[in-house]
């Protein structure tokens, strides 16, 4: 969910209704808490975040067969889809004009996972890179599961869920994409929060 200008945007995935995935984003008026509209976007929607330009970024996981995972941009003034990018997104974070995404996209056709670590410029709606990790240490990550960018230092934190049943890892990368440190976490680390004292 994401809240923008008195409206709550909720992705509807229909993920348990295979192959009849939902493909809409519900627009809810926060004051009355009623749904005012559904925006038709794409199959199997997942993550949603707002940027500083009145845009909403929504990820679609596709159907794992014929429809690929993508990233969509919605203008919150018109509540309409204005762009789409060929970027898979499992988790995302926006800092300034940069959208950071990590993804493990499953492909039943090739029976393989495609892993990516992308940066998108939200102002220009262009992909800057599909691998912001520059030192080769992305090979140490089994299942990228969460991502967060520190708003002051711009360090990038990526969590690794490993095999979903053993403790995961948290990796920290500098702005240059070089790993600074790693630490073991609990099982399936997905969310990161910064506490200011």
N, C-alpha and C. Protein backbone atom coordinates (compact mmCIF):
# COMPACT_ATOMS: atom_id res chain seq x y z
N UNK A 1 0.83 -1.19 0.00
CA UNK A 1 0.00 0.00 0.00
C UNK A 1 0.88 1.25 0.00
N UNK A 2 0.34 2.31 -0.56
CA UNK A 2 1.02 3.61 -0.53
C UNK A 2 -0.04 4.69 -0.40
N UNK A 3 0.23 5.69 0.43
CA UNK A 3 -0.69 6.81 0.62
C UNK A 3 -0.14 8.05 -0.05
N UNK A 4 -0.95 8.69 -0.91
CA UNK A 4 -0.55 9.90 -1.63
C UNK A 4 -1.75 10.84 -1.71
N UNK A 5 -1.58 12.07 -1.23
CA UNK A 5 -2.61 13.12 -1.36
C UNK A 5 -4.00 12.67 -0.96
N UNK A 6 -4.13 12.07 0.21
CA UNK A 6 -5.44 11.68 0.73
C UNK A 6 -6.01 10.41 0.11
N UNK A 7 -5.19 9.74 -0.71
CA UNK A 7 -5.64 8.50 -1.34
C UNK A 7 -4.72 7.35 -0.94
N UNK A 8 -5.31 6.20 -0.73
CA UNK A 8 -4.56 4.98 -0.43
C UNK A 8 -4.62 4.09 -1.66
N UNK A 9 -3.45 3.66 -2.12
CA UNK A 9 -3.36 2.80 -3.29
C UNK A 9 -2.99 1.39 -2.82
N UNK A 10 -3.78 0.40 -3.23
CA UNK A 10 -3.59 -0.98 -2.80
C UNK A 10 -3.48 -1.87 -4.02
N UNK A 11 -2.40 -2.66 -4.09
CA UNK A 11 -2.25 -3.59 -5.22
C UNK A 11 -3.08 -4.83 -4.97
N UNK A 12 -3.76 -5.28 -5.99
CA UNK A 12 -4.58 -6.50 -5.93
C UNK A 12 -3.91 -7.56 -6.80
N UNK A 13 -3.40 -8.61 -6.18
CA UNK A 13 -2.63 -9.59 -6.95
C UNK A 13 -3.47 -10.76 -7.43
N UNK A 14 -4.43 -11.20 -6.60
CA UNK A 14 -5.15 -12.40 -6.95
C UNK A 14 -4.22 -13.59 -7.05
N UNK A 15 -3.12 -13.54 -6.30
CA UNK A 15 -2.06 -14.53 -6.40
C UNK A 15 -2.45 -15.96 -6.16
N UNK A 16 -3.56 -16.18 -5.46
CA UNK A 16 -4.00 -17.55 -5.20
C UNK A 16 -5.07 -18.01 -6.18
N UNK A 17 -5.33 -17.22 -7.21
CA UNK A 17 -6.36 -17.55 -8.19
C UNK A 17 -5.74 -17.89 -9.55
N UNK A 18 -4.62 -18.61 -9.54
CA UNK A 18 -3.93 -18.97 -10.77
C UNK A 18 -4.87 -19.78 -11.67
N UNK A 19 -5.00 -19.51 -12.95
CA UNK A 19 -4.28 -18.50 -13.72
C UNK A 19 -5.02 -17.17 -13.83
N UNK A 20 -6.09 -17.00 -13.03
CA UNK A 20 -6.91 -15.78 -13.12
C UNK A 20 -6.45 -14.71 -12.14
N UNK A 21 -5.22 -14.21 -12.36
CA UNK A 21 -4.67 -13.17 -11.48
C UNK A 21 -5.48 -11.89 -11.60
N UNK A 22 -5.54 -11.14 -10.50
CA UNK A 22 -6.10 -9.80 -10.56
C UNK A 22 -5.06 -8.92 -11.25
N UNK A 23 -5.46 -7.73 -11.66
CA UNK A 23 -4.57 -6.85 -12.43
C UNK A 23 -4.84 -5.39 -12.11
N UNK A 24 -5.39 -5.11 -10.94
CA UNK A 24 -5.80 -3.74 -10.62
C UNK A 24 -5.15 -3.19 -9.36
N UNK A 25 -5.15 -1.86 -9.30
CA UNK A 25 -4.78 -1.13 -8.09
C UNK A 25 -6.03 -0.42 -7.60
N UNK A 26 -6.42 -0.67 -6.36
CA UNK A 26 -7.59 0.01 -5.79
C UNK A 26 -7.18 1.39 -5.29
N UNK A 27 -8.01 2.38 -5.59
CA UNK A 27 -7.81 3.74 -5.09
C UNK A 27 -8.86 3.96 -4.00
N UNK A 28 -8.40 4.23 -2.81
CA UNK A 28 -9.30 4.38 -1.66
C UNK A 28 -9.20 5.79 -1.12
N UNK A 29 -10.33 6.47 -0.99
CA UNK A 29 -10.38 7.79 -0.36
C UNK A 29 -10.19 7.58 1.13
N UNK A 30 -9.11 8.15 1.67
CA UNK A 30 -8.79 7.92 3.08
C UNK A 30 -9.83 8.52 4.01
N UNK A 31 -10.36 9.68 3.68
CA UNK A 31 -11.34 10.36 4.55
C UNK A 31 -12.59 9.51 4.76
N UNK A 32 -13.10 8.93 3.68
CA UNK A 32 -14.32 8.13 3.79
C UNK A 32 -14.02 6.63 3.85
N UNK A 33 -12.79 6.28 3.60
CA UNK A 33 -12.33 4.89 3.55
C UNK A 33 -13.20 4.05 2.61
N UNK A 34 -13.45 4.61 1.42
CA UNK A 34 -14.21 3.89 0.40
C UNK A 34 -13.39 3.81 -0.89
N UNK A 35 -13.54 2.72 -1.61
CA UNK A 35 -12.86 2.56 -2.88
C UNK A 35 -13.56 3.44 -3.92
N UNK A 36 -12.79 4.29 -4.57
CA UNK A 36 -13.35 5.21 -5.56
C UNK A 36 -13.07 4.79 -6.99
N UNK A 37 -12.06 3.92 -7.17
CA UNK A 37 -11.66 3.56 -8.52
C UNK A 37 -10.75 2.34 -8.47
N UNK A 38 -10.68 1.63 -9.60
CA UNK A 38 -9.68 0.58 -9.80
C UNK A 38 -8.91 0.92 -11.07
N UNK A 39 -7.59 0.91 -10.96
CA UNK A 39 -6.73 1.21 -12.10
C UNK A 39 -6.26 -0.12 -12.69
N UNK A 40 -6.53 -0.33 -13.98
CA UNK A 40 -6.09 -1.55 -14.65
C UNK A 40 -4.60 -1.41 -14.95
N UNK A 41 -3.79 -2.33 -14.41
CA UNK A 41 -2.34 -2.22 -14.56
C UNK A 41 -1.76 -3.45 -15.26
N UNK A 42 -1.66 -4.57 -14.55
CA UNK A 42 -1.06 -5.79 -15.10
C UNK A 42 -1.34 -6.95 -14.17
N UNK A 43 -1.06 -8.16 -14.62
CA UNK A 43 -1.31 -9.36 -13.82
C UNK A 43 -0.43 -9.43 -12.57
N UNK A 44 -1.03 -9.95 -11.49
CA UNK A 44 -0.27 -10.38 -10.32
C UNK A 44 0.58 -9.26 -9.72
N UNK A 45 -0.06 -8.17 -9.34
CA UNK A 45 0.65 -7.01 -8.80
C UNK A 45 1.22 -7.33 -7.43
N UNK A 46 2.27 -6.59 -7.06
CA UNK A 46 2.98 -6.92 -5.83
C UNK A 46 3.33 -5.67 -5.03
N UNK A 47 4.46 -5.04 -5.29
CA UNK A 47 4.94 -3.90 -4.50
C UNK A 47 4.45 -2.58 -5.07
N UNK A 48 4.35 -1.58 -4.19
CA UNK A 48 3.95 -0.24 -4.61
C UNK A 48 4.64 0.80 -3.72
N UNK A 49 5.19 1.84 -4.35
CA UNK A 49 5.83 2.94 -3.62
C UNK A 49 5.58 4.23 -4.39
N UNK A 50 5.54 5.34 -3.66
CA UNK A 50 5.39 6.64 -4.30
C UNK A 50 6.74 7.36 -4.33
N UNK A 51 6.90 8.24 -5.33
CA UNK A 51 8.13 9.03 -5.41
C UNK A 51 7.81 10.50 -5.11
N UNK A 52 8.77 11.37 -5.28
CA UNK A 52 8.57 12.79 -4.99
C UNK A 52 8.02 13.58 -6.15
N UNK A 53 7.57 12.90 -7.20
CA UNK A 53 7.07 13.57 -8.40
C UNK A 53 5.59 13.28 -8.66
N UNK A 54 4.89 12.79 -7.64
CA UNK A 54 3.46 12.48 -7.81
C UNK A 54 3.23 11.21 -8.60
N UNK A 55 4.23 10.35 -8.62
CA UNK A 55 4.11 9.09 -9.35
C UNK A 55 4.10 7.92 -8.39
N UNK A 56 3.44 6.88 -8.82
CA UNK A 56 3.36 5.64 -8.05
C UNK A 56 4.02 4.55 -8.87
N UNK A 57 4.89 3.77 -8.24
CA UNK A 57 5.60 2.69 -8.92
C UNK A 57 5.06 1.36 -8.43
N UNK A 58 4.58 0.54 -9.37
CA UNK A 58 3.91 -0.71 -9.04
C UNK A 58 4.60 -1.85 -9.78
N UNK A 59 4.89 -2.92 -9.06
CA UNK A 59 5.52 -4.08 -9.70
C UNK A 59 4.49 -5.16 -9.98
N UNK A 60 4.68 -5.81 -11.13
CA UNK A 60 3.87 -6.96 -11.51
C UNK A 60 4.79 -8.16 -11.61
N UNK A 61 4.35 -9.27 -11.03
CA UNK A 61 5.14 -10.50 -11.12
C UNK A 61 4.80 -11.30 -12.38
N UNK A 62 3.85 -10.81 -13.18
CA UNK A 62 3.46 -11.52 -14.39
C UNK A 62 2.81 -12.85 -14.05
N UNK A 63 2.83 -13.78 -15.01
CA UNK A 63 2.22 -15.09 -14.73
C UNK A 63 3.24 -16.22 -14.75
N UNK A 64 4.54 -15.85 -14.83
CA UNK A 64 5.66 -16.80 -14.79
C UNK A 64 5.77 -17.64 -16.06
N UNK A 65 4.85 -17.47 -17.01
CA UNK A 65 4.90 -18.20 -18.27
C UNK A 65 5.03 -17.22 -19.43
N UNK A 66 3.90 -16.69 -19.88
CA UNK A 66 3.88 -15.82 -21.07
C UNK A 66 4.02 -14.33 -20.75
N UNK A 67 3.63 -13.94 -19.56
CA UNK A 67 3.67 -12.53 -19.19
C UNK A 67 4.82 -12.30 -18.21
N UNK A 68 5.81 -11.52 -18.64
CA UNK A 68 7.01 -11.27 -17.83
C UNK A 68 6.72 -10.27 -16.71
N UNK A 69 7.54 -10.32 -15.68
CA UNK A 69 7.47 -9.34 -14.60
C UNK A 69 7.87 -7.97 -15.16
N UNK A 70 7.19 -6.91 -14.67
CA UNK A 70 7.47 -5.55 -15.13
C UNK A 70 7.25 -4.55 -14.01
N UNK A 71 7.70 -3.34 -14.25
CA UNK A 71 7.51 -2.22 -13.33
C UNK A 71 6.67 -1.17 -14.04
N UNK A 72 5.61 -0.69 -13.37
CA UNK A 72 4.69 0.27 -13.96
C UNK A 72 4.69 1.58 -13.20
N UNK A 73 4.46 2.67 -13.92
CA UNK A 73 4.38 4.00 -13.31
C UNK A 73 2.97 4.54 -13.49
N UNK A 74 2.37 4.99 -12.38
CA UNK A 74 1.03 5.57 -12.38
C UNK A 74 1.13 7.03 -11.98
N UNK A 75 0.46 7.91 -12.72
CA UNK A 75 0.36 9.32 -12.36
C UNK A 75 -0.77 9.45 -11.35
N UNK A 76 -0.46 9.91 -10.14
CA UNK A 76 -1.48 9.98 -9.09
C UNK A 76 -2.45 11.15 -9.28
N UNK A 77 -2.15 12.06 -10.21
CA UNK A 77 -3.10 13.15 -10.50
C UNK A 77 -4.24 12.64 -11.37
N UNK A 78 -3.91 11.74 -12.31
CA UNK A 78 -4.92 11.21 -13.23
C UNK A 78 -5.32 9.77 -12.88
N UNK A 79 -4.57 9.14 -11.99
CA UNK A 79 -4.77 7.73 -11.64
C UNK A 79 -4.78 6.85 -12.88
N UNK A 80 -3.78 7.07 -13.74
CA UNK A 80 -3.64 6.29 -14.97
C UNK A 80 -2.20 5.82 -15.12
N UNK A 81 -2.01 4.65 -15.74
CA UNK A 81 -0.68 4.14 -16.03
C UNK A 81 -0.06 5.01 -17.13
N UNK A 82 1.16 5.51 -16.88
CA UNK A 82 1.82 6.38 -17.85
C UNK A 82 3.10 5.78 -18.43
N UNK A 83 3.59 4.68 -17.85
CA UNK A 83 4.81 4.08 -18.37
C UNK A 83 4.97 2.66 -17.82
N UNK A 84 5.79 1.86 -18.52
CA UNK A 84 6.16 0.54 -18.02
C UNK A 84 7.61 0.27 -18.40
N UNK A 85 8.30 -0.46 -17.54
CA UNK A 85 9.70 -0.79 -17.77
C UNK A 85 9.89 -2.29 -17.61
N UNK A 86 10.78 -2.86 -18.39
CA UNK A 86 11.09 -4.29 -18.31
C UNK A 86 12.04 -4.55 -17.15
N UNK A 87 11.53 -4.34 -15.95
CA UNK A 87 12.30 -4.54 -14.73
C UNK A 87 11.49 -5.40 -13.78
N UNK A 88 12.07 -6.53 -13.37
CA UNK A 88 11.41 -7.37 -12.37
C UNK A 88 11.69 -6.79 -10.98
N UNK A 89 10.69 -6.86 -10.09
CA UNK A 89 10.84 -6.28 -8.76
C UNK A 89 10.26 -7.22 -7.72
N UNK A 90 11.10 -7.70 -6.81
CA UNK A 90 10.62 -8.43 -5.64
C UNK A 90 10.49 -7.48 -4.46
N UNK A 91 11.43 -6.54 -4.37
CA UNK A 91 11.40 -5.52 -3.31
C UNK A 91 11.96 -4.23 -3.90
N UNK A 92 11.48 -3.09 -3.40
CA UNK A 92 11.98 -1.82 -3.90
C UNK A 92 11.98 -0.75 -2.83
N UNK A 93 12.82 0.26 -3.06
CA UNK A 93 12.90 1.41 -2.19
C UNK A 93 13.23 2.62 -3.05
N UNK A 94 12.68 3.76 -2.70
CA UNK A 94 12.95 4.99 -3.45
C UNK A 94 13.61 5.99 -2.52
N UNK A 95 14.75 6.51 -2.97
CA UNK A 95 15.47 7.56 -2.26
C UNK A 95 15.83 8.63 -3.29
N UNK A 96 15.38 9.87 -3.05
CA UNK A 96 15.59 10.91 -4.04
C UNK A 96 14.92 10.53 -5.34
N UNK A 97 15.67 10.61 -6.44
CA UNK A 97 15.13 10.25 -7.75
C UNK A 97 15.51 8.84 -8.17
N UNK A 98 16.03 8.05 -7.22
CA UNK A 98 16.49 6.70 -7.55
C UNK A 98 15.59 5.64 -6.92
N UNK A 99 15.08 4.76 -7.77
CA UNK A 99 14.33 3.59 -7.32
C UNK A 99 15.29 2.41 -7.38
N UNK A 100 15.52 1.79 -6.22
CA UNK A 100 16.38 0.61 -6.13
C UNK A 100 15.48 -0.61 -6.03
N UNK A 101 15.80 -1.63 -6.83
CA UNK A 101 14.98 -2.85 -6.82
C UNK A 101 15.88 -4.08 -6.86
N UNK A 102 15.46 -5.08 -6.11
CA UNK A 102 16.09 -6.39 -6.25
C UNK A 102 14.99 -7.37 -6.62
N UNK A 103 15.36 -8.41 -7.36
CA UNK A 103 14.33 -9.33 -7.82
C UNK A 103 14.89 -10.72 -8.04
N UNK A 104 14.02 -11.69 -7.78
CA UNK A 104 14.22 -13.06 -8.18
C UNK A 104 12.97 -13.42 -8.98
N UNK A 105 13.10 -13.39 -10.29
CA UNK A 105 11.94 -13.65 -11.16
C UNK A 105 12.00 -15.09 -11.67
N UNK A 106 10.93 -15.85 -11.40
CA UNK A 106 10.87 -17.25 -11.81
C UNK A 106 10.35 -17.35 -13.23
N UNK A 107 10.96 -18.23 -14.01
CA UNK A 107 10.59 -18.44 -15.40
C UNK A 107 10.35 -19.93 -15.62
N UNK A 108 9.06 -20.33 -15.74
CA UNK A 108 8.74 -21.74 -15.94
C UNK A 108 9.17 -22.25 -17.31
N UNK A 109 9.26 -21.37 -18.29
CA UNK A 109 9.68 -21.78 -19.62
C UNK A 109 11.11 -22.33 -19.60
N UNK A 110 12.01 -21.57 -18.98
CA UNK A 110 13.42 -21.98 -18.87
C UNK A 110 13.71 -22.71 -17.57
N UNK A 111 12.71 -22.79 -16.70
CA UNK A 111 12.83 -23.42 -15.38
C UNK A 111 14.06 -22.89 -14.65
N UNK A 112 14.08 -21.56 -14.49
CA UNK A 112 15.23 -20.91 -13.91
C UNK A 112 14.79 -19.60 -13.26
N UNK A 113 15.62 -19.10 -12.37
CA UNK A 113 15.39 -17.80 -11.75
C UNK A 113 16.36 -16.79 -12.33
N UNK A 114 15.83 -15.60 -12.58
CA UNK A 114 16.66 -14.50 -13.06
C UNK A 114 16.74 -13.48 -11.92
N UNK A 115 17.95 -13.22 -11.45
CA UNK A 115 18.17 -12.30 -10.34
C UNK A 115 18.70 -10.98 -10.89
N UNK A 116 18.18 -9.87 -10.36
CA UNK A 116 18.66 -8.55 -10.80
C UNK A 116 18.66 -7.57 -9.64
N UNK A 117 19.48 -6.54 -9.78
CA UNK A 117 19.63 -5.47 -8.79
C UNK A 117 19.63 -4.15 -9.56
N UNK A 118 18.45 -3.60 -9.79
CA UNK A 118 18.31 -2.47 -10.70
C UNK A 118 18.21 -1.12 -9.99
N UNK A 119 18.56 -0.09 -10.73
CA UNK A 119 18.29 1.30 -10.33
C UNK A 119 17.54 1.95 -11.48
N UNK A 120 16.43 2.61 -11.15
CA UNK A 120 15.62 3.34 -12.13
C UNK A 120 15.60 4.81 -11.71
N UNK A 121 15.82 5.71 -12.66
CA UNK A 121 15.67 7.14 -12.42
C UNK A 121 14.18 7.45 -12.54
N UNK A 122 13.52 7.79 -11.42
CA UNK A 122 12.07 8.00 -11.45
C UNK A 122 11.68 9.30 -12.16
N UNK A 123 12.61 10.24 -12.25
CA UNK A 123 12.32 11.49 -12.93
C UNK A 123 12.24 11.27 -14.44
N UNK A 124 13.21 10.53 -14.99
CA UNK A 124 13.24 10.28 -16.43
C UNK A 124 12.54 8.98 -16.82
N UNK A 125 12.25 8.14 -15.81
CA UNK A 125 11.65 6.81 -16.02
C UNK A 125 12.54 5.93 -16.90
N UNK A 126 13.83 5.98 -16.66
CA UNK A 126 14.80 5.19 -17.40
C UNK A 126 15.57 4.28 -16.45
N UNK A 127 15.93 3.08 -16.95
CA UNK A 127 16.75 2.15 -16.19
C UNK A 127 18.19 2.64 -16.23
N UNK A 128 18.77 2.83 -15.05
CA UNK A 128 20.16 3.27 -14.95
C UNK A 128 21.10 2.07 -15.03
N UNK A 129 20.75 0.99 -14.31
CA UNK A 129 21.55 -0.23 -14.33
C UNK A 129 20.68 -1.41 -13.92
N UNK A 130 21.06 -2.59 -14.34
CA UNK A 130 20.37 -3.80 -13.89
C UNK A 130 21.22 -4.58 -12.90
N UNK A 131 22.35 -3.99 -12.49
CA UNK A 131 23.17 -4.57 -11.42
C UNK A 131 23.98 -3.49 -10.73
N UNK A 132 23.43 -2.96 -9.63
CA UNK A 132 24.15 -1.91 -8.91
C UNK A 132 25.27 -2.47 -8.03
N UNK A 133 25.37 -3.79 -7.91
CA UNK A 133 26.47 -4.40 -7.16
C UNK A 133 27.63 -4.56 -8.13
N UNK A 134 28.73 -3.87 -7.85
CA UNK A 134 29.82 -3.78 -8.83
C UNK A 134 31.03 -4.65 -8.52
N UNK A 135 31.06 -5.30 -7.35
CA UNK A 135 32.27 -6.04 -6.97
C UNK A 135 32.13 -7.55 -7.11
N UNK A 136 31.05 -8.02 -7.70
CA UNK A 136 30.87 -9.45 -7.91
C UNK A 136 30.29 -10.21 -6.73
N UNK A 137 30.02 -9.53 -5.61
CA UNK A 137 29.54 -10.23 -4.41
C UNK A 137 28.06 -10.59 -4.49
N UNK A 138 27.37 -10.19 -5.56
CA UNK A 138 25.97 -10.61 -5.71
C UNK A 138 25.88 -12.14 -5.81
N UNK A 139 26.97 -12.80 -6.17
CA UNK A 139 26.97 -14.27 -6.26
C UNK A 139 26.84 -14.91 -4.88
N UNK A 140 27.09 -14.15 -3.81
CA UNK A 140 26.95 -14.65 -2.44
C UNK A 140 25.49 -14.64 -1.98
N UNK A 141 24.63 -13.94 -2.71
CA UNK A 141 23.23 -13.81 -2.33
C UNK A 141 22.42 -14.88 -3.03
N UNK A 142 21.72 -15.69 -2.24
CA UNK A 142 20.93 -16.78 -2.81
C UNK A 142 19.55 -16.30 -3.24
N UNK A 143 18.81 -15.60 -2.35
CA UNK A 143 17.46 -15.12 -2.64
C UNK A 143 17.32 -13.68 -2.14
N UNK A 144 17.60 -12.68 -2.99
CA UNK A 144 17.39 -11.30 -2.54
C UNK A 144 15.92 -11.10 -2.18
N UNK A 145 15.68 -10.58 -0.98
CA UNK A 145 14.31 -10.57 -0.47
C UNK A 145 13.84 -9.20 -0.01
N UNK A 146 14.76 -8.36 0.42
CA UNK A 146 14.40 -7.02 0.88
C UNK A 146 15.48 -6.03 0.51
N UNK A 147 15.10 -4.76 0.40
CA UNK A 147 16.06 -3.72 0.06
C UNK A 147 15.68 -2.41 0.72
N UNK A 148 16.68 -1.67 1.15
CA UNK A 148 16.45 -0.35 1.75
C UNK A 148 17.69 0.50 1.51
N UNK A 149 17.48 1.77 1.19
CA UNK A 149 18.58 2.70 0.97
C UNK A 149 18.57 3.72 2.10
N UNK A 150 19.72 3.91 2.74
CA UNK A 150 19.80 4.89 3.82
C UNK A 150 19.66 6.28 3.21
N UNK A 151 18.71 7.08 3.70
CA UNK A 151 18.44 8.38 3.06
C UNK A 151 19.58 9.39 3.18
N UNK A 152 20.48 9.22 4.15
CA UNK A 152 21.58 10.16 4.31
C UNK A 152 22.88 9.66 3.69
N UNK A 153 23.26 8.43 3.99
CA UNK A 153 24.53 7.90 3.49
C UNK A 153 24.41 7.28 2.10
N UNK A 154 23.18 6.95 1.68
CA UNK A 154 22.91 6.26 0.42
C UNK A 154 23.51 4.86 0.37
N UNK A 155 23.84 4.31 1.52
CA UNK A 155 24.24 2.91 1.57
C UNK A 155 23.02 2.06 1.21
N UNK A 156 23.26 0.96 0.49
CA UNK A 156 22.18 0.09 0.06
C UNK A 156 22.25 -1.20 0.87
N UNK A 157 21.13 -1.56 1.48
CA UNK A 157 21.05 -2.77 2.30
C UNK A 157 20.17 -3.78 1.57
N UNK A 158 20.70 -4.99 1.37
CA UNK A 158 19.97 -6.05 0.69
C UNK A 158 19.91 -7.25 1.62
N UNK A 159 18.70 -7.79 1.81
CA UNK A 159 18.55 -8.99 2.63
C UNK A 159 18.51 -10.22 1.73
N UNK A 160 18.98 -11.33 2.28
CA UNK A 160 19.01 -12.61 1.58
C UNK A 160 18.23 -13.63 2.40
N UNK A 161 17.14 -14.16 1.83
CA UNK A 161 16.31 -15.14 2.54
C UNK A 161 16.89 -16.54 2.47
N UNK A 162 17.99 -16.71 1.73
CA UNK A 162 18.64 -18.03 1.56
C UNK A 162 17.64 -19.06 1.04
N UNK A 163 17.35 -20.09 1.83
CA UNK A 163 16.42 -21.15 1.40
C UNK A 163 15.07 -21.07 2.14
N UNK A 164 14.82 -19.96 2.81
CA UNK A 164 13.56 -19.68 3.53
C UNK A 164 13.37 -20.51 4.80
N UNK A 165 14.32 -21.35 5.17
CA UNK A 165 14.16 -22.15 6.39
C UNK A 165 15.37 -22.05 7.32
N UNK A 166 16.43 -21.40 6.87
CA UNK A 166 17.61 -21.20 7.71
C UNK A 166 17.85 -19.70 7.85
N UNK A 167 18.66 -19.27 8.81
CA UNK A 167 18.92 -17.84 8.97
C UNK A 167 19.41 -17.20 7.67
N UNK A 168 18.96 -15.96 7.45
CA UNK A 168 19.34 -15.22 6.26
C UNK A 168 20.54 -14.34 6.52
N UNK A 169 20.74 -13.38 5.61
CA UNK A 169 21.87 -12.46 5.70
C UNK A 169 21.41 -11.05 5.36
N UNK A 170 22.14 -10.08 5.89
CA UNK A 170 21.97 -8.66 5.54
C UNK A 170 23.31 -8.18 5.01
N UNK A 171 23.28 -7.61 3.80
CA UNK A 171 24.50 -7.12 3.15
C UNK A 171 24.39 -5.60 2.99
N UNK A 172 25.49 -4.91 3.24
CA UNK A 172 25.54 -3.45 3.08
C UNK A 172 26.50 -3.11 1.96
N UNK A 173 26.03 -2.25 1.03
CA UNK A 173 26.83 -1.80 -0.10
C UNK A 173 26.96 -0.28 -0.08
N UNK A 174 28.14 0.21 -0.44
CA UNK A 174 28.34 1.64 -0.58
C UNK A 174 27.71 2.14 -1.87
N UNK A 175 27.73 3.46 -2.05
CA UNK A 175 27.17 4.04 -3.27
C UNK A 175 27.87 3.54 -4.53
N UNK A 176 29.12 3.07 -4.34
CA UNK A 176 29.89 2.56 -5.47
C UNK A 176 29.57 1.11 -5.81
N UNK A 177 28.65 0.49 -5.04
CA UNK A 177 28.26 -0.89 -5.30
C UNK A 177 29.20 -1.93 -4.73
N UNK A 178 30.14 -1.48 -3.89
CA UNK A 178 31.10 -2.39 -3.27
C UNK A 178 30.59 -2.78 -1.88
N UNK A 179 30.63 -4.07 -1.58
CA UNK A 179 30.14 -4.56 -0.29
C UNK A 179 31.00 -4.03 0.86
N UNK A 180 30.32 -3.48 1.88
CA UNK A 180 31.02 -2.95 3.06
C UNK A 180 31.06 -3.97 4.19
N UNK A 181 29.94 -4.70 4.38
CA UNK A 181 29.88 -5.72 5.42
C UNK A 181 28.65 -6.59 5.21
N UNK A 182 28.65 -7.73 5.92
CA UNK A 182 27.51 -8.65 5.93
C UNK A 182 27.32 -9.17 7.34
N UNK A 183 26.08 -9.49 7.70
CA UNK A 183 25.79 -10.04 9.02
C UNK A 183 24.64 -11.05 8.90
N UNK A 184 24.69 -12.06 9.73
CA UNK A 184 23.63 -13.07 9.74
C UNK A 184 22.39 -12.50 10.43
N UNK A 185 21.20 -12.91 9.96
CA UNK A 185 19.94 -12.44 10.53
C UNK A 185 19.10 -13.64 10.95
N UNK A 186 17.86 -13.40 11.27
CA UNK A 186 16.90 -14.47 11.50
C UNK A 186 16.40 -15.00 10.17
N UNK A 187 15.41 -15.87 10.22
CA UNK A 187 14.85 -16.46 9.00
C UNK A 187 14.09 -15.42 8.18
N UNK A 188 14.22 -15.50 6.90
CA UNK A 188 13.49 -14.72 5.89
C UNK A 188 13.48 -13.21 6.20
N UNK A 189 14.65 -12.57 6.25
CA UNK A 189 14.68 -11.12 6.53
C UNK A 189 14.12 -10.35 5.35
N UNK A 190 13.09 -9.55 5.59
CA UNK A 190 12.44 -8.86 4.48
C UNK A 190 12.33 -7.36 4.62
N UNK A 191 12.22 -6.88 5.83
CA UNK A 191 12.02 -5.44 6.04
C UNK A 191 13.17 -4.84 6.82
N UNK A 192 13.49 -3.59 6.49
CA UNK A 192 14.57 -2.86 7.14
C UNK A 192 14.03 -1.50 7.55
N UNK A 193 14.32 -1.08 8.77
CA UNK A 193 13.91 0.25 9.25
C UNK A 193 15.10 0.93 9.89
N UNK A 194 15.17 2.24 9.72
CA UNK A 194 16.20 3.04 10.36
C UNK A 194 15.61 3.75 11.56
N UNK A 195 16.32 3.74 12.68
CA UNK A 195 15.87 4.41 13.90
C UNK A 195 16.80 5.58 14.16
N UNK A 196 16.26 6.78 14.27
CA UNK A 196 17.06 7.97 14.51
C UNK A 196 16.94 8.34 15.98
N UNK A 197 18.09 8.55 16.63
CA UNK A 197 18.09 8.89 18.06
C UNK A 197 18.67 10.28 18.27
